[in-house]
């Protein structure tokens, strides 16, 4: 299995949970999307920058290595682009889980 397929699995799972969370929304909860949009985008930018920096440092220092043929060949520095799927999946998954399992107001119980 290549890292691209493994990354795709993580992204599909995150997308399914997001769709489940969006499907369970009531009108009063839709405002959360508006409130969360900027913090999620800001967190995404920070996480992607940190991923780029630390993945490159770990790969260049020899802490991690990828077998040839297991990555797509697209790189950000020396880090394969597939490495960015995991933080992206987390950015999708965590707010989705919060919507699904978070505390609800009295009008939603």
N, C-alpha and C. Protein backbone atom coordinates (compact mmCIF):
# COMPACT_ATOMS: atom_id res chain seq x y z
N UNK A 1 0.86 -1.18 0.00
CA UNK A 1 0.00 0.00 0.00
C UNK A 1 0.90 1.24 0.00
N UNK A 2 0.56 2.19 -0.84
CA UNK A 2 1.34 3.42 -0.90
C UNK A 2 0.83 4.41 0.14
N UNK A 3 1.65 5.42 0.40
CA UNK A 3 1.24 6.45 1.35
C UNK A 3 0.06 7.27 0.82
N UNK A 4 -0.05 7.38 -0.48
CA UNK A 4 -1.19 8.10 -1.06
C UNK A 4 -2.50 7.39 -0.72
N UNK A 5 -2.53 6.06 -0.84
CA UNK A 5 -3.75 5.31 -0.50
C UNK A 5 -4.04 5.40 0.99
N UNK A 6 -3.02 5.31 1.81
CA UNK A 6 -3.21 5.41 3.25
C UNK A 6 -3.74 6.80 3.63
N UNK A 7 -3.20 7.82 3.00
CA UNK A 7 -3.67 9.19 3.23
C UNK A 7 -5.12 9.35 2.80
N UNK A 8 -5.45 8.75 1.67
CA UNK A 8 -6.81 8.83 1.16
C UNK A 8 -7.80 8.19 2.13
N UNK A 9 -7.40 7.08 2.74
CA UNK A 9 -8.27 6.43 3.74
C UNK A 9 -8.56 7.38 4.90
N UNK A 10 -7.53 8.02 5.42
CA UNK A 10 -7.71 8.97 6.52
C UNK A 10 -8.63 10.12 6.11
N UNK A 11 -8.43 10.65 4.91
CA UNK A 11 -9.26 11.77 4.45
C UNK A 11 -10.71 11.35 4.22
N UNK A 12 -10.93 10.15 3.72
CA UNK A 12 -12.30 9.67 3.50
C UNK A 12 -13.02 9.47 4.84
N UNK A 13 -12.33 8.90 5.81
CA UNK A 13 -12.94 8.73 7.14
C UNK A 13 -13.30 10.09 7.73
N UNK A 14 -12.41 11.06 7.62
CA UNK A 14 -12.69 12.40 8.14
C UNK A 14 -13.87 13.03 7.41
N UNK A 15 -13.94 12.84 6.09
CA UNK A 15 -15.05 13.40 5.31
C UNK A 15 -16.38 12.75 5.67
N UNK A 16 -16.38 11.46 5.92
CA UNK A 16 -17.61 10.76 6.32
C UNK A 16 -18.10 11.28 7.67
N UNK A 17 -17.20 11.47 8.60
CA UNK A 17 -17.59 12.00 9.91
C UNK A 17 -18.10 13.44 9.76
N UNK A 18 -17.45 14.22 8.90
CA UNK A 18 -17.92 15.59 8.66
C UNK A 18 -19.33 15.59 8.08
N UNK A 19 -19.59 14.72 7.12
CA UNK A 19 -20.93 14.64 6.53
C UNK A 19 -21.96 14.21 7.57
N UNK A 20 -21.58 13.28 8.45
CA UNK A 20 -22.49 12.88 9.52
C UNK A 20 -22.77 14.04 10.46
N UNK A 21 -21.75 14.82 10.76
CA UNK A 21 -21.93 15.97 11.65
C UNK A 21 -22.79 17.04 10.99
N UNK A 22 -22.57 17.28 9.71
CA UNK A 22 -23.37 18.29 9.01
C UNK A 22 -24.82 17.84 8.87
N UNK A 23 -25.03 16.55 8.71
CA UNK A 23 -26.38 16.02 8.59
C UNK A 23 -27.16 16.10 9.88
N UNK A 24 -26.46 16.13 11.01
CA UNK A 24 -27.14 16.17 12.30
C UNK A 24 -27.37 17.59 12.80
N UNK A 25 -26.99 18.57 12.03
CA UNK A 25 -27.13 19.96 12.47
C UNK A 25 -28.58 20.41 12.50
N UNK A 26 -28.84 21.20 13.47
CA UNK A 26 -30.10 21.94 13.52
C UNK A 26 -29.78 23.38 13.12
N UNK A 27 -30.81 24.15 12.88
CA UNK A 27 -30.60 25.53 12.41
C UNK A 27 -29.75 26.33 13.39
N UNK A 28 -29.96 26.13 14.70
CA UNK A 28 -29.20 26.91 15.68
C UNK A 28 -27.73 26.54 15.71
N UNK A 29 -27.40 25.32 15.28
CA UNK A 29 -26.00 24.89 15.28
C UNK A 29 -25.27 25.33 14.02
N UNK A 30 -25.99 25.73 13.00
CA UNK A 30 -25.33 26.15 11.76
C UNK A 30 -24.49 27.40 11.98
N UNK A 31 -24.83 28.17 12.98
CA UNK A 31 -24.02 29.36 13.28
C UNK A 31 -22.62 28.98 13.74
N UNK A 32 -22.45 27.75 14.23
CA UNK A 32 -21.11 27.32 14.64
C UNK A 32 -20.14 27.32 13.46
N UNK A 33 -20.62 26.95 12.30
CA UNK A 33 -19.76 26.95 11.12
C UNK A 33 -19.24 28.35 10.84
N UNK A 34 -20.09 29.33 10.97
CA UNK A 34 -19.67 30.71 10.73
C UNK A 34 -18.67 31.14 11.80
N UNK A 35 -18.93 30.77 13.05
CA UNK A 35 -18.02 31.15 14.14
C UNK A 35 -16.70 30.41 14.06
N UNK A 36 -16.70 29.19 13.61
CA UNK A 36 -15.49 28.36 13.60
C UNK A 36 -14.66 28.52 12.34
N UNK A 37 -15.20 29.12 11.32
CA UNK A 37 -14.51 29.16 10.03
C UNK A 37 -13.12 29.78 10.15
N UNK A 38 -13.01 30.95 10.72
CA UNK A 38 -11.72 31.62 10.82
C UNK A 38 -10.74 30.87 11.74
N UNK A 39 -11.16 30.43 12.94
CA UNK A 39 -10.21 29.67 13.77
C UNK A 39 -9.73 28.38 13.11
N UNK A 40 -10.59 27.69 12.38
CA UNK A 40 -10.17 26.45 11.72
C UNK A 40 -9.18 26.75 10.60
N UNK A 41 -9.44 27.78 9.82
CA UNK A 41 -8.51 28.15 8.76
C UNK A 41 -7.17 28.59 9.35
N UNK A 42 -7.20 29.38 10.42
CA UNK A 42 -5.95 29.81 11.07
C UNK A 42 -5.18 28.62 11.62
N UNK A 43 -5.88 27.71 12.27
CA UNK A 43 -5.22 26.51 12.79
C UNK A 43 -4.66 25.68 11.64
N UNK A 44 -5.39 25.61 10.54
CA UNK A 44 -4.92 24.85 9.38
C UNK A 44 -3.63 25.42 8.81
N UNK A 45 -3.55 26.73 8.71
CA UNK A 45 -2.33 27.36 8.20
C UNK A 45 -1.15 27.06 9.13
N UNK A 46 -1.37 27.22 10.42
CA UNK A 46 -0.30 26.97 11.40
C UNK A 46 0.13 25.51 11.36
N UNK A 47 -0.82 24.59 11.35
CA UNK A 47 -0.49 23.15 11.35
C UNK A 47 0.24 22.76 10.08
N UNK A 48 -0.16 23.28 8.94
CA UNK A 48 0.52 22.95 7.69
C UNK A 48 1.95 23.50 7.66
N UNK A 49 2.15 24.70 8.18
CA UNK A 49 3.50 25.27 8.26
C UNK A 49 4.37 24.43 9.18
N UNK A 50 3.83 24.08 10.35
CA UNK A 50 4.58 23.25 11.29
C UNK A 50 4.88 21.87 10.71
N UNK A 51 3.93 21.31 10.00
CA UNK A 51 4.15 20.02 9.35
C UNK A 51 5.27 20.12 8.34
N UNK A 52 5.26 21.16 7.53
CA UNK A 52 6.31 21.34 6.53
C UNK A 52 7.68 21.47 7.19
N UNK A 53 7.76 22.28 8.22
CA UNK A 53 9.05 22.50 8.88
C UNK A 53 9.55 21.23 9.56
N UNK A 54 8.72 20.64 10.41
CA UNK A 54 9.20 19.50 11.20
C UNK A 54 9.36 18.23 10.37
N UNK A 55 8.53 18.00 9.38
CA UNK A 55 8.72 16.84 8.50
C UNK A 55 10.05 16.95 7.75
N UNK A 56 10.33 18.15 7.26
CA UNK A 56 11.60 18.34 6.55
C UNK A 56 12.79 18.14 7.48
N UNK A 57 12.71 18.65 8.69
CA UNK A 57 13.80 18.47 9.65
C UNK A 57 13.98 16.99 9.99
N UNK A 58 12.88 16.28 10.24
CA UNK A 58 12.99 14.87 10.60
C UNK A 58 13.51 14.01 9.45
N UNK A 59 13.10 14.32 8.23
CA UNK A 59 13.56 13.54 7.08
C UNK A 59 15.04 13.85 6.80
N UNK A 60 15.40 15.13 6.84
CA UNK A 60 16.79 15.49 6.57
C UNK A 60 17.75 14.97 7.64
N UNK A 61 17.28 14.85 8.88
CA UNK A 61 18.15 14.36 9.94
C UNK A 61 18.21 12.83 9.97
N UNK A 62 17.39 12.17 9.18
CA UNK A 62 17.44 10.72 9.10
C UNK A 62 16.51 10.00 10.07
N UNK A 63 15.65 10.74 10.77
CA UNK A 63 14.70 10.09 11.68
C UNK A 63 13.62 9.32 10.93
N UNK A 64 13.30 9.78 9.72
CA UNK A 64 12.29 9.12 8.89
C UNK A 64 12.85 8.93 7.49
N UNK A 65 12.40 7.88 6.86
CA UNK A 65 12.76 7.65 5.46
C UNK A 65 11.60 6.94 4.78
N UNK A 66 11.47 7.15 3.49
CA UNK A 66 10.40 6.53 2.72
C UNK A 66 11.02 5.62 1.68
N UNK A 67 10.47 4.43 1.55
CA UNK A 67 10.95 3.50 0.53
C UNK A 67 10.58 4.05 -0.84
N UNK A 68 11.45 3.83 -1.79
CA UNK A 68 11.16 4.33 -3.14
C UNK A 68 9.92 3.64 -3.69
N UNK A 69 9.11 4.41 -4.37
CA UNK A 69 7.90 3.86 -4.96
C UNK A 69 6.68 3.89 -4.06
N UNK A 70 6.85 4.30 -2.81
CA UNK A 70 5.70 4.34 -1.89
C UNK A 70 5.08 5.72 -1.79
N UNK A 71 5.75 6.72 -2.35
CA UNK A 71 5.19 8.08 -2.34
C UNK A 71 4.90 8.51 -3.77
N UNK A 72 4.17 9.60 -3.90
CA UNK A 72 3.79 10.09 -5.22
C UNK A 72 4.95 10.77 -5.95
N UNK A 73 5.95 11.18 -5.21
CA UNK A 73 7.07 11.90 -5.81
C UNK A 73 6.92 13.40 -5.71
N UNK A 74 5.73 13.87 -5.35
CA UNK A 74 5.53 15.31 -5.13
C UNK A 74 6.06 15.66 -3.75
N UNK A 75 6.93 16.66 -3.70
CA UNK A 75 7.59 16.99 -2.44
C UNK A 75 7.38 18.44 -2.06
N UNK A 76 7.37 18.69 -0.76
CA UNK A 76 7.46 20.03 -0.20
C UNK A 76 8.78 20.03 0.55
N UNK A 77 9.79 20.58 -0.06
CA UNK A 77 11.14 20.42 0.45
C UNK A 77 11.56 18.98 0.18
N UNK A 78 11.79 18.23 1.25
CA UNK A 78 12.07 16.80 1.09
C UNK A 78 10.92 15.94 1.62
N UNK A 79 9.87 16.58 2.12
CA UNK A 79 8.72 15.86 2.67
C UNK A 79 7.71 15.54 1.57
N UNK A 80 7.25 14.30 1.50
CA UNK A 80 6.23 13.97 0.50
C UNK A 80 4.91 14.67 0.82
N UNK A 81 4.20 15.02 -0.22
CA UNK A 81 2.95 15.75 -0.06
C UNK A 81 1.93 14.92 0.73
N UNK A 82 2.07 13.60 0.71
CA UNK A 82 1.14 12.74 1.46
C UNK A 82 1.18 13.01 2.96
N UNK A 83 2.30 13.49 3.47
CA UNK A 83 2.42 13.79 4.89
C UNK A 83 1.44 14.88 5.34
N UNK A 84 0.98 15.68 4.42
CA UNK A 84 0.08 16.77 4.77
C UNK A 84 -1.37 16.32 4.87
N UNK A 85 -1.67 15.11 4.47
CA UNK A 85 -3.04 14.60 4.55
C UNK A 85 -3.45 14.33 6.00
N UNK A 86 -2.52 13.91 6.83
CA UNK A 86 -2.87 13.57 8.21
C UNK A 86 -3.28 14.80 9.02
N UNK A 87 -2.53 15.89 8.98
CA UNK A 87 -3.01 17.08 9.69
C UNK A 87 -4.30 17.63 9.08
N UNK A 88 -4.45 17.51 7.76
CA UNK A 88 -5.69 17.95 7.13
C UNK A 88 -6.87 17.12 7.61
N UNK A 89 -6.67 15.82 7.71
CA UNK A 89 -7.73 14.95 8.23
C UNK A 89 -8.08 15.33 9.67
N UNK A 90 -7.07 15.64 10.47
CA UNK A 90 -7.32 16.07 11.84
C UNK A 90 -8.10 17.38 11.91
N UNK A 91 -7.77 18.30 11.01
CA UNK A 91 -8.50 19.58 10.97
C UNK A 91 -9.95 19.40 10.56
N UNK A 92 -10.23 18.38 9.78
CA UNK A 92 -11.61 18.08 9.40
C UNK A 92 -12.30 17.29 10.50
N UNK A 93 -11.59 16.33 11.05
CA UNK A 93 -12.18 15.37 11.98
C UNK A 93 -12.51 15.98 13.35
N UNK A 94 -11.61 16.75 13.92
CA UNK A 94 -11.83 17.24 15.28
C UNK A 94 -13.05 18.15 15.42
N UNK A 95 -13.22 19.16 14.57
CA UNK A 95 -14.45 19.95 14.67
C UNK A 95 -15.71 19.12 14.39
N UNK A 96 -15.59 18.15 13.50
CA UNK A 96 -16.73 17.28 13.18
C UNK A 96 -17.14 16.47 14.40
N UNK A 97 -16.16 15.91 15.09
CA UNK A 97 -16.46 15.15 16.31
C UNK A 97 -17.04 16.05 17.39
N UNK A 98 -16.55 17.28 17.45
CA UNK A 98 -17.10 18.24 18.42
C UNK A 98 -18.58 18.48 18.13
N UNK A 99 -18.92 18.63 16.87
CA UNK A 99 -20.32 18.83 16.50
C UNK A 99 -21.17 17.61 16.84
N UNK A 100 -20.62 16.43 16.60
CA UNK A 100 -21.39 15.21 16.85
C UNK A 100 -21.57 14.92 18.34
N UNK A 101 -20.51 15.10 19.11
CA UNK A 101 -20.54 14.66 20.51
C UNK A 101 -20.44 15.79 21.52
N UNK A 102 -20.35 17.02 21.05
CA UNK A 102 -20.21 18.16 21.95
C UNK A 102 -21.47 18.39 22.75
N UNK A 103 -21.32 19.17 23.79
CA UNK A 103 -22.45 19.50 24.64
C UNK A 103 -23.45 20.34 23.86
N UNK A 104 -24.69 20.02 24.00
CA UNK A 104 -25.74 20.75 23.28
C UNK A 104 -26.47 21.68 24.24
N UNK A 105 -27.00 22.75 23.65
CA UNK A 105 -27.79 23.68 24.44
C UNK A 105 -29.13 23.10 24.80
N UNK A 106 -29.85 23.78 25.67
CA UNK A 106 -31.15 23.30 26.15
C UNK A 106 -32.15 23.16 25.02
N UNK A 107 -32.04 24.02 24.00
CA UNK A 107 -33.02 23.96 22.89
C UNK A 107 -32.75 22.78 21.95
N UNK A 108 -31.60 22.10 22.07
CA UNK A 108 -31.29 20.99 21.20
C UNK A 108 -31.43 19.64 21.86
N UNK A 109 -31.72 19.59 23.13
CA UNK A 109 -31.82 18.31 23.84
C UNK A 109 -33.08 17.58 23.52
